[in-house]
PDB file of N, CA and C in Angstrom:
ATOM      1  N   MET A   1      65.797  89.358 154.287  1.00  0.00           N
ATOM      2  CA  MET A   1      65.716  88.309 153.298  1.00  0.00           C
ATOM      3  C   MET A   1      64.730  87.254 153.773  1.00  0.00           C
ATOM      4  N   SER A   2      63.872  86.868 152.873  1.00  0.00           N
ATOM      5  CA  SER A   2      62.940  85.778 153.117  1.00  0.00           C
ATOM      6  C   SER A   2      63.241  84.685 152.105  1.00  0.00           C
ATOM      7  N   LEU A   3      63.120  83.439 152.509  1.00  0.00           N
ATOM      8  CA  LEU A   3      63.344  82.351 151.558  1.00  0.00           C
ATOM      9  C   LEU A   3      62.411  82.454 150.369  1.00  0.00           C
ATOM     10  N   ALA A   4      61.261  83.063 150.551  1.00  0.00           N
ATOM     11  CA  ALA A   4      60.329  83.259 149.438  1.00  0.00           C
ATOM     12  C   ALA A   4      60.917  84.195 148.389  1.00  0.00           C
ATOM     13  N   ASP A   5      61.881  85.029 148.785  1.00  0.00           N
ATOM     14  CA  ASP A   5      62.515  85.958 147.849  1.00  0.00           C
ATOM     15  C   ASP A   5      63.603  85.298 147.010  1.00  0.00           C
ATOM     16  N   VAL A   6      64.084  84.132 147.435  1.00  0.00           N
ATOM     17  CA  VAL A   6      65.162  83.449 146.722  1.00  0.00           C
ATOM     18  C   VAL A   6      64.583  82.758 145.500  1.00  0.00           C
ATOM     19  N   LYS A   7      65.204  83.020 144.359  1.00  0.00           N
ATOM     20  CA  LYS A   7      64.778  82.406 143.100  1.00  0.00           C
ATOM     21  C   LYS A   7      65.891  81.478 142.622  1.00  0.00           C
ATOM     22  N   TYR A   8      65.498  80.381 142.008  1.00  0.00           N
ATOM     23  CA  TYR A   8      66.432  79.385 141.507  1.00  0.00           C
ATOM     24  C   TYR A   8      66.385  79.434 139.989  1.00  0.00           C
ATOM     25  N   LEU A   9      67.552  79.670 139.385  1.00  0.00           N
ATOM     26  CA  LEU A   9      67.623  79.901 137.942  1.00  0.00           C
ATOM     27  C   LEU A   9      68.716  79.059 137.305  1.00  0.00           C
ATOM     28  N   PRO A  10      68.569  78.751 136.014  1.00  0.00           N
ATOM     29  CA  PRO A  10      69.684  78.142 135.298  1.00  0.00           C
ATOM     30  C   PRO A  10      70.858  79.121 135.267  1.00  0.00           C
ATOM     31  N   GLU A  11      72.040  78.583 135.384  1.00  0.00           N
ATOM     32  CA  GLU A  11      73.239  79.416 135.326  1.00  0.00           C
ATOM     33  C   GLU A  11      73.418  79.983 133.918  1.00  0.00           C
ATOM     34  N   THR A  12      73.886  81.221 133.838  1.00  0.00           N
ATOM     35  CA  THR A  12      74.238  81.848 132.558  1.00  0.00           C
ATOM     36  C   THR A  12      75.656  82.400 132.674  1.00  0.00           C
ATOM     37  N   PRO A  13      76.289  82.739 131.550  1.00  0.00           N
ATOM     38  CA  PRO A  13      77.631  83.328 131.616  1.00  0.00           C
ATOM     39  C   PRO A  13      77.693  84.595 132.473  1.00  0.00           C
ATOM     40  N   ALA A  14      76.604  85.331 132.559  1.00  0.00           N
ATOM     41  CA  ALA A  14      76.583  86.553 133.369  1.00  0.00           C
ATOM     42  C   ALA A  14      76.789  86.257 134.858  1.00  0.00           C
ATOM     43  N   HIS A  15      76.505  85.040 135.285  1.00  0.00           N
ATOM     44  CA  HIS A  15      76.668  84.662 136.690  1.00  0.00           C
ATOM     45  C   HIS A  15      78.115  84.308 137.049  1.00  0.00           C
ATOM     46  N   ASP A  16      78.953  84.067 136.045  1.00  0.00           N
ATOM     47  CA  ASP A  16      80.305  83.552 136.296  1.00  0.00           C
ATOM     48  C   ASP A  16      81.113  84.347 137.320  1.00  0.00           C
ATOM     49  N   PRO A  17      81.189  85.682 137.237  1.00  0.00           N
ATOM     50  CA  PRO A  17      82.006  86.408 138.227  1.00  0.00           C
ATOM     51  C   PRO A  17      81.521  86.214 139.666  1.00  0.00           C
ATOM     52  N   GLU A  18      80.217  86.214 139.867  1.00  0.00           N
ATOM     53  CA  GLU A  18      79.692  86.028 141.224  1.00  0.00           C
ATOM     54  C   GLU A  18      79.896  84.594 141.713  1.00  0.00           C
ATOM     55  N   ILE A  19      79.759  83.630 140.811  1.00  0.00           N
ATOM     56  CA  ILE A  19      80.001  82.236 141.189  1.00  0.00           C
ATOM     57  C   ILE A  19      81.460  82.059 141.592  1.00  0.00           C
ATOM     58  N   GLU A  20      82.359  82.637 140.835  1.00  0.00           N
ATOM     59  CA  GLU A  20      83.782  82.554 141.171  1.00  0.00           C
ATOM     60  C   GLU A  20      84.043  83.171 142.544  1.00  0.00           C
ATOM     61  N   ALA A  21      83.410  84.299 142.835  1.00  0.00           N
ATOM     62  CA  ALA A  21      83.582  84.957 144.139  1.00  0.00           C
ATOM     63  C   ALA A  21      83.042  84.083 145.272  1.00  0.00           C
ATOM     64  N   ILE A  22      81.898  83.451 145.052  1.00  0.00           N
ATOM     65  CA  ILE A  22      81.319  82.563 146.072  1.00  0.00           C
ATOM     66  C   ILE A  22      82.239  81.368 146.311  1.00  0.00           C
ATOM     67  N   ASN A  23      82.743  80.766 145.233  1.00  0.00           N
ATOM     68  CA  ASN A  23      83.644  79.624 145.377  1.00  0.00           C
ATOM     69  C   ASN A  23      84.935  80.023 146.079  1.00  0.00           C
ATOM     70  N   ASP A  24      85.446  81.200 145.761  1.00  0.00           N
ATOM     71  CA  ASP A  24      86.662  81.684 146.413  1.00  0.00           C
ATOM     72  C   ASP A  24      86.416  81.883 147.907  1.00  0.00           C
ATOM     73  N   GLU A  25      85.275  82.461 148.226  1.00  0.00           N
ATOM     74  CA  GLU A  25      84.916  82.698 149.621  1.00  0.00           C
ATOM     75  C   GLU A  25      84.734  81.375 150.378  1.00  0.00           C
ATOM     76  N   ALA A  26      84.125  80.400 149.717  1.00  0.00           N
ATOM     77  CA  ALA A  26      83.821  79.125 150.367  1.00  0.00           C
ATOM     78  C   ALA A  26      85.036  78.203 150.473  1.00  0.00           C
ATOM     79  N   PHE A  27      85.860  78.174 149.426  1.00  0.00           N
ATOM     80  CA  PHE A  27      86.917  77.166 149.357  1.00  0.00           C
ATOM     81  C   PHE A  27      88.331  77.730 149.347  1.00  0.00           C
ATOM     82  N   GLY A  28      88.476  79.021 149.066  1.00  0.00           N
ATOM     83  CA  GLY A  28      89.789  79.645 149.060  1.00  0.00           C
ATOM     84  C   GLY A  28      90.659  79.183 147.902  1.00  0.00           C
ATOM     85  N   PRO A  29      91.885  79.696 147.848  1.00  0.00           N
ATOM     86  CA  PRO A  29      92.768  79.366 146.726  1.00  0.00           C
ATOM     87  C   PRO A  29      93.234  77.913 146.735  1.00  0.00           C
ATOM     88  N   GLY A  30      93.132  77.232 147.865  1.00  0.00           N
ATOM     89  CA  GLY A  30      93.547  75.838 147.930  1.00  0.00           C
ATOM     90  C   GLY A  30      92.728  74.917 147.055  1.00  0.00           C
ATOM     91  N   ARG A  31      91.567  75.373 146.621  1.00  0.00           N
ATOM     92  CA  ARG A  31      90.701  74.516 145.803  1.00  0.00           C
ATOM     93  C   ARG A  31      91.331  74.170 144.466  1.00  0.00           C
ATOM     94  N   PHE A  32      92.246  75.005 143.982  1.00  0.00           N
ATOM     95  CA  PHE A  32      92.833  74.791 142.663  1.00  0.00           C
ATOM     96  C   PHE A  32      93.756  73.572 142.608  1.00  0.00           C
ATOM     97  N   VAL A  33      94.191  73.057 143.746  1.00  0.00           N
ATOM     98  CA  VAL A  33      95.076  71.893 143.752  1.00  0.00           C
ATOM     99  C   VAL A  33      94.338  70.600 144.091  1.00  0.00           C
ATOM    100  N   LEU A  34      93.064  70.690 144.394  1.00  0.00           N
ATOM    101  CA  LEU A  34      92.285  69.503 144.737  1.00  0.00           C
ATOM    102  C   LEU A  34      91.999  68.650 143.506  1.00  0.00           C
ATOM    103  N   ALA A  35      91.947  67.338 143.709  1.00  0.00           N
ATOM    104  CA  ALA A  35      91.678  66.420 142.602  1.00  0.00           C
ATOM    105  C   ALA A  35      90.348  66.730 141.925  1.00  0.00           C
ATOM    106  N   ALA A  36      89.327  67.039 142.703  1.00  0.00           N
ATOM    107  CA  ALA A  36      88.013  67.345 142.115  1.00  0.00           C
ATOM    108  C   ALA A  36      88.100  68.548 141.190  1.00  0.00           C
ATOM    109  N   TYR A  37      88.870  69.560 141.578  1.00  0.00           N
ATOM    110  CA  TYR A  37      89.021  70.747 140.727  1.00  0.00           C
ATOM    111  C   TYR A  37      89.701  70.361 139.419  1.00  0.00           C
ATOM    112  N   LYS A  38      90.738  69.540 139.503  1.00  0.00           N
ATOM    113  CA  LYS A  38      91.472  69.122 138.296  1.00  0.00           C
ATOM    114  C   LYS A  38      90.552  68.344 137.352  1.00  0.00           C
ATOM    115  N   ILE A  39      89.712  67.491 137.912  1.00  0.00           N
ATOM    116  CA  ILE A  39      88.774  66.724 137.083  1.00  0.00           C
ATOM    117  C   ILE A  39      87.789  67.668 136.404  1.00  0.00           C
ATOM    118  N   ARG A  40      87.238  68.613 137.162  1.00  0.00           N
ATOM    119  CA  ARG A  40      86.279  69.568 136.588  1.00  0.00           C
ATOM    120  C   ARG A  40      86.933  70.429 135.519  1.00  0.00           C
ATOM    121  N   GLU A  41      88.146  70.852 135.782  1.00  0.00           N
ATOM    122  CA  GLU A  41      88.872  71.714 134.853  1.00  0.00           C
ATOM    123  C   GLU A  41      89.093  71.019 133.510  1.00  0.00           C
ATOM    124  N   ALA A  42      89.297  69.714 133.530  1.00  0.00           N
ATOM    125  CA  ALA A  42      89.567  68.965 132.306  1.00  0.00           C
ATOM    126  C   ALA A  42      88.380  68.982 131.350  1.00  0.00           C
ATOM    127  N   GLY A  43      87.158  69.000 131.886  1.00  0.00           N
ATOM    128  CA  GLY A  43      86.007  68.917 131.013  1.00  0.00           C
ATOM    129  C   GLY A  43      85.125  70.144 130.985  1.00  0.00           C
ATOM    130  N   GLY A  44      85.291  71.021 131.928  1.00  0.00           N
ATOM    131  CA  GLY A  44      84.375  72.161 132.005  1.00  0.00           C
ATOM    132  C   GLY A  44      83.022  71.706 132.510  1.00  0.00           C
ATOM    133  N   HIS A  45      82.289  72.611 133.088  1.00  0.00           N
ATOM    134  CA  HIS A  45      80.989  72.216 133.635  1.00  0.00           C
ATOM    135  C   HIS A  45      79.903  72.288 132.564  1.00  0.00           C
ATOM    136  N   GLU A  46      78.828  71.585 132.820  1.00  0.00           N
ATOM    137  CA  GLU A  46      77.678  71.534 131.914  1.00  0.00           C
ATOM    138  C   GLU A  46      76.714  72.634 132.345  1.00  0.00           C
ATOM    139  N   ARG A  47      76.770  73.755 131.647  1.00  0.00           N
ATOM    140  CA  ARG A  47      75.977  74.918 132.061  1.00  0.00           C
ATOM    141  C   ARG A  47      74.477  74.616 132.097  1.00  0.00           C
ATOM    142  N   SER A  48      74.001  73.768 131.202  1.00  0.00           N
ATOM    143  CA  SER A  48      72.561  73.474 131.167  1.00  0.00           C
ATOM    144  C   SER A  48      72.096  72.682 132.392  1.00  0.00           C
ATOM    145  N   LEU A  49      73.034  72.134 133.158  1.00  0.00           N
ATOM    146  CA  LEU A  49      72.704  71.372 134.362  1.00  0.00           C
ATOM    147  C   LEU A  49      73.218  72.058 135.624  1.00  0.00           C
ATOM    148  N   SER A  50      73.591  73.329 135.499  1.00  0.00           N
ATOM    149  CA  SER A  50      74.140  74.104 136.612  1.00  0.00           C
ATOM    150  C   SER A  50      73.183  75.243 136.950  1.00  0.00           C
ATOM    151  N   PHE A  51      73.063  75.543 138.250  1.00  0.00           N
ATOM    152  CA  PHE A  51      72.024  76.467 138.703  1.00  0.00           C
ATOM    153  C   PHE A  51      72.555  77.434 139.757  1.00  0.00           C
ATOM    154  N   VAL A  52      71.848  78.555 139.878  1.00  0.00           N
ATOM    155  CA  VAL A  52      72.167  79.552 140.897  1.00  0.00           C
ATOM    156  C   VAL A  52      70.914  79.856 141.707  1.00  0.00           C
ATOM    157  N   ALA A  53      71.148  80.343 142.916  1.00  0.00           N
ATOM    158  CA  ALA A  53      70.080  80.898 143.749  1.00  0.00           C
ATOM    159  C   ALA A  53      70.361  82.384 143.852  1.00  0.00           C
ATOM    160  N   VAL A  54      69.351  83.191 143.589  1.00  0.00           N
ATOM    161  CA  VAL A  54      69.533  84.640 143.644  1.00  0.00           C
ATOM    162  C   VAL A  54      68.540  85.254 144.623  1.00  0.00           C
ATOM    163  N   ASP A  55      69.026  86.262 145.327  1.00  0.00           N
ATOM    164  CA  ASP A  55      68.187  87.076 146.209  1.00  0.00           C
ATOM    165  C   ASP A  55      68.224  88.468 145.609  1.00  0.00           C
ATOM    166  N   GLY A  56      67.126  88.871 144.988  1.00  0.00           N
ATOM    167  CA  GLY A  56      67.143  90.116 144.215  1.00  0.00           C
ATOM    168  C   GLY A  56      68.011  89.902 142.989  1.00  0.00           C
ATOM    169  N   ASP A  57      69.067  90.693 142.861  1.00  0.00           N
ATOM    170  CA  ASP A  57      69.974  90.514 141.725  1.00  0.00           C
ATOM    171  C   ASP A  57      71.345  90.002 142.168  1.00  0.00           C
ATOM    172  N   ILE A  58      71.415  89.430 143.381  1.00  0.00           N
ATOM    173  CA  ILE A  58      72.677  88.930 143.920  1.00  0.00           C
ATOM    174  C   ILE A  58      72.659  87.404 143.938  1.00  0.00           C
ATOM    175  N   VAL A  59      73.684  86.800 143.348  1.00  0.00           N
ATOM    176  CA  VAL A  59      73.828  85.346 143.412  1.00  0.00           C
ATOM    177  C   VAL A  59      74.280  84.985 144.824  1.00  0.00           C
ATOM    178  N   VAL A  60      73.508  84.146 145.495  1.00  0.00           N
ATOM    179  CA  VAL A  60      73.840  83.769 146.870  1.00  0.00           C
ATOM    180  C   VAL A  60      74.326  82.324 146.986  1.00  0.00           C
ATOM    181  N   ALA A  61      74.150  81.543 145.920  1.00  0.00           N
ATOM    182  CA  ALA A  61      74.601  80.152 145.944  1.00  0.00           C
ATOM    183  C   ALA A  61      74.644  79.618 144.520  1.00  0.00           C
ATOM    184  N   SER A  62      75.434  78.576 144.336  1.00  0.00           N
ATOM    185  CA  SER A  62      75.478  77.941 143.019  1.00  0.00           C
ATOM    186  C   SER A  62      75.833  76.472 143.161  1.00  0.00           C
ATOM    187  N   VAL A  63      75.423  75.717 142.167  1.00  0.00           N
ATOM    188  CA  VAL A  63      75.822  74.322 142.042  1.00  0.00           C
ATOM    189  C   VAL A  63      76.115  74.081 140.568  1.00  0.00           C
ATOM    190  N   ARG A  64      77.173  73.323 140.328  1.00  0.00           N
ATOM    191  CA  ARG A  64      77.547  73.002 138.956  1.00  0.00           C
ATOM    192  C   ARG A  64      77.640  71.495 138.787  1.00  0.00           C
ATOM    193  N   MET A  65      77.385  71.053 137.557  1.00  0.00           N
ATOM    194  CA  MET A  65      77.536  69.653 137.186  1.00  0.00           C
ATOM    195  C   MET A  65      78.554  69.594 136.052  1.00  0.00           C
ATOM    196  N   THR A  66      79.437  68.590 136.122  1.00  0.00           N
ATOM    197  CA  THR A  66      80.483  68.411 135.121  1.00  0.00           C
ATOM    198  C   THR A  66      80.390  67.006 134.562  1.00  0.00           C
ATOM    199  N   ARG A  67      80.437  66.899 133.245  1.00  0.00           N
ATOM    200  CA  ARG A  67      80.472  65.577 132.613  1.00  0.00           C
ATOM    201  C   ARG A  67      81.891  65.032 132.761  1.00  0.00           C
ATOM    202  N   ILE A  68      81.992  63.773 133.227  1.00  0.00           N
ATOM    203  CA  ILE A  68      83.301  63.160 133.389  1.00  0.00           C
ATOM    204  C   ILE A  68      83.299  61.779 132.748  1.00  0.00           C
ATOM    205  N   ALA A  69      84.487  61.276 132.464  1.00  0.00           N
ATOM    206  CA  ALA A  69      84.658  59.934 131.925  1.00  0.00           C
ATOM    207  C   ALA A  69      85.638  59.190 132.823  1.00  0.00           C
ATOM    208  N   ALA A  70      85.332  57.936 133.074  1.00  0.00           N
ATOM    209  CA  ALA A  70      86.224  57.060 133.831  1.00  0.00           C
ATOM    210  C   ALA A  70      86.289  55.747 133.073  1.00  0.00           C
ATOM    211  N   GLY A  71      87.386  55.535 132.390  1.00  0.00           N
ATOM    212  CA  GLY A  71      87.471  54.370 131.520  1.00  0.00           C
ATOM    213  C   GLY A  71      86.435  54.509 130.421  1.00  0.00           C
ATOM    214  N   ALA A  72      85.615  53.484 130.242  1.00  0.00           N
ATOM    215  CA  ALA A  72      84.561  53.538 129.228  1.00  0.00           C
ATOM    216  C   ALA A  72      83.283  54.165 129.773  1.00  0.00           C
ATOM    217  N   GLY A  73      83.243  54.419 131.073  1.00  0.00           N
ATOM    218  CA  GLY A  73      82.038  54.963 131.692  1.00  0.00           C
ATOM    219  C   GLY A  73      81.958  56.472 131.608  1.00  0.00           C
ATOM    220  N   ARG A  74      80.756  56.963 131.617  1.00  0.00           N
ATOM    221  CA  ARG A  74      80.497  58.399 131.612  1.00  0.00           C
ATOM    222  C   ARG A  74      79.567  58.705 132.783  1.00  0.00           C
ATOM    223  N   ALA A  75      79.736  59.888 133.355  1.00  0.00           N
ATOM    224  CA  ALA A  75      78.913  60.263 134.506  1.00  0.00           C
ATOM    225  C   ALA A  75      78.870  61.778 134.633  1.00  0.00           C
ATOM    226  N   LEU A  76      78.072  62.235 135.565  1.00  0.00           N
ATOM    227  CA  LEU A  76      78.035  63.646 135.946  1.00  0.00           C
ATOM    228  C   LEU A  76      78.580  63.762 137.359  1.00  0.00           C
ATOM    229  N   MET A  77      79.434  64.748 137.564  1.00  0.00           N
ATOM    230  CA  MET A  77      79.995  65.012 138.890  1.00  0.00           C
ATOM    231  C   MET A  77      79.373  66.291 139.420  1.00  0.00           C
ATOM    232  N   LEU A  78      78.755  66.199 140.589  1.00  0.00           N
ATOM    233  CA  LEU A  78      78.125  67.357 141.200  1.00  0.00           C
ATOM    234  C   LEU A  78      79.166  68.153 141.975  1.00  0.00           C
ATOM    235  N   GLY A  79      79.173  69.445 141.769  1.00  0.00           N
ATOM    236  CA  GLY A  79      80.057  70.319 142.532  1.00  0.00           C
ATOM    237  C   GLY A  79      80.858  71.223 141.623  1.00  0.00           C
ATOM    238  N   PRO A  80      81.301  72.293 142.127  1.00  0.00           N
ATOM    239  CA  PRO A  80      81.148  72.669 143.520  1.00  0.00           C
ATOM    240  C   PRO A  80      79.733  73.175 143.829  1.00  0.00           C
ATOM    241  N   LEU A  81      79.386  72.994 145.069  1.00  0.00           N
ATOM    242  CA  LEU A  81      78.176  73.578 145.640  1.00  0.00           C
ATOM    243  C   LEU A  81      78.664  74.572 146.673  1.00  0.00           C
ATOM    244  N   ALA A  82      78.279  75.819 146.535  1.00  0.00           N
ATOM    245  CA  ALA A  82      78.729  76.845 147.480  1.00  0.00           C
ATOM    246  C   ALA A  82      77.596  77.815 147.775  1.00  0.00           C
ATOM    247  N   VAL A  83      77.532  78.227 149.038  1.00  0.00           N
ATOM    248  CA  VAL A  83      76.503  79.152 149.513  1.00  0.00           C
ATOM    249  C   VAL A  83      77.196  80.261 150.296  1.00  0.00           C
ATOM    250  N   ARG A  84      76.810  81.496 150.029  1.00  0.00           N
ATOM    251  CA  ARG A  84      77.384  82.621 150.783  1.00  0.00           C
ATOM    252  C   ARG A  84      77.084  82.441 152.274  1.00  0.00           C
ATOM    253  N   PRO A  85      78.017  82.848 153.142  1.00  0.00           N
ATOM    254  CA  PRO A  85      77.855  82.627 154.587  1.00  0.00           C
ATOM    255  C   PRO A  85      76.522  83.106 155.161  1.00  0.00           C
ATOM    256  N   GLY A  86      76.039  84.238 154.766  1.00  0.00           N
ATOM    257  CA  GLY A  86      74.795  84.767 155.315  1.00  0.00           C
ATOM    258  C   GLY A  86      73.554  84.004 154.892  1.00  0.00           C
ATOM    259  N   PHE A  87      73.722  83.034 153.989  1.00  0.00           N
ATOM    260  CA  PHE A  87      72.585  82.283 153.462  1.00  0.00           C
ATOM    261  C   PHE A  87      72.696  80.789 153.758  1.00  0.00           C
ATOM    262  N   LYS A  88      73.686  80.402 154.557  1.00  0.00           N
ATOM    263  CA  LYS A  88      73.872  78.991 154.892  1.00  0.00           C
ATOM    264  C   LYS A  88      72.826  78.530 155.900  1.00  0.00           C
ATOM    265  N   ASN A  89      72.614  77.222 155.894  1.00  0.00           N
ATOM    266  CA  ASN A  89      71.703  76.559 156.846  1.00  0.00           C
ATOM    267  C   ASN A  89      70.250  76.994 156.697  1.00  0.00           C
ATOM    268  N   LEU A  90      69.890  77.391 155.487  1.00  0.00           N
ATOM    269  CA  LEU A  90      68.503  77.772 155.200  1.00  0.00           C
ATOM    270  C   LEU A  90      67.843  76.809 154.213  1.00  0.00           C
ATOM    271  N   GLY A  91      68.594  75.823 153.743  1.00  0.00           N
ATOM    272  CA  GLY A  91      68.068  74.868 152.776  1.00  0.00           C
ATOM    273  C   GLY A  91      68.308  75.255 151.329  1.00  0.00           C
ATOM    274  N   ILE A  92      69.016  76.349 151.092  1.00  0.00           N
ATOM    275  CA  ILE A  92      69.249  76.809 149.718  1.00  0.00           C
ATOM    276  C   ILE A  92      70.136  75.819 148.968  1.00  0.00           C
ATOM    277  N   GLY A  93      71.211  75.368 149.587  1.00  0.00           N
ATOM    278  CA  GLY A  93      72.089  74.388 148.948  1.00  0.00           C
ATOM    279  C   GLY A  93      71.361  73.088 148.665  1.00  0.00           C
ATOM    280  N   ARG A  94      70.577  72.628 149.613  1.00  0.00           N
ATOM    281  CA  ARG A  94      69.796  71.395 149.440  1.00  0.00           C
ATOM    282  C   ARG A  94      68.847  71.526 148.253  1.00  0.00           C
ATOM    283  N   ARG A  95      68.208  72.683 148.131  1.00  0.00           N
ATOM    284  CA  ARG A  95      67.275  72.907 147.014  1.00  0.00           C
ATOM    285  C   ARG A  95      68.020  72.930 145.687  1.00  0.00           C
ATOM    286  N   LEU A  96      69.197  73.569 145.650  1.00  0.00           N
ATOM    287  CA  LEU A  96      69.987  73.594 144.415  1.00  0.00           C
ATOM    288  C   LEU A  96      70.384  72.181 143.983  1.00  0.00           C
ATOM    289  N   VAL A  97      70.793  71.358 144.930  1.00  0.00           N
ATOM    290  CA  VAL A  97      71.154  69.976 144.602  1.00  0.00           C
ATOM    291  C   VAL A  97      69.941  69.238 144.043  1.00  0.00           C
ATOM    292  N   ALA A  98      68.794  69.402 144.659  1.00  0.00           N
ATOM    293  CA  ALA A  98      67.573  68.742 144.175  1.00  0.00           C
ATOM    294  C   ALA A  98      67.253  69.169 142.749  1.00  0.00           C
ATOM    295  N   ILE A  99      67.391  70.454 142.462  1.00  0.00           N
ATOM    296  CA  ILE A  99      67.121  70.956 141.110  1.00  0.00           C
ATOM    297  C   ILE A  99      68.117  70.365 140.121  1.00  0.00           C
ATOM    298  N   ALA A 100      69.391  70.339 140.497  1.00  0.00           N
ATOM    299  CA  ALA A 100      70.424  69.811 139.599  1.00  0.00           C
ATOM    300  C   ALA A 100      70.220  68.329 139.305  1.00  0.00           C
ATOM    301  N   LEU A 101      69.665  67.601 140.250  1.00  0.00           N
ATOM    302  CA  LEU A 101      69.477  66.158 140.072  1.00  0.00           C
ATOM    303  C   LEU A 101      68.162  65.794 139.395  1.00  0.00           C
ATOM    304  N   GLU A 102      67.268  66.766 139.187  1.00  0.00           N
ATOM    305  CA  GLU A 102      65.973  66.473 138.549  1.00  0.00           C
ATOM    306  C   GLU A 102      66.152  66.018 137.125  1.00  0.00           C
TER     307      GLU A 102
END
């Protein structure tokens, strides 16, 4: 694998099973009780602002953005951000965050 082979794409519904597997691998079943998960679950993520990194046809990382409300305020919540173990510490997560924040 070369970083030049990694492509950054908008998330599509076809990516959902692999994203779920990456999140499960990264955070385990305990993630379902975390406050951040509950907040994301309430609104669903904004697919147009969520991205994946792929190596060939394999999703190796993802980042999602969720629209949230706090009182009268509205915001975007970044996360989860997850990278498969074999692809960590290569800057892929950092690049996904930069793309999501553009």
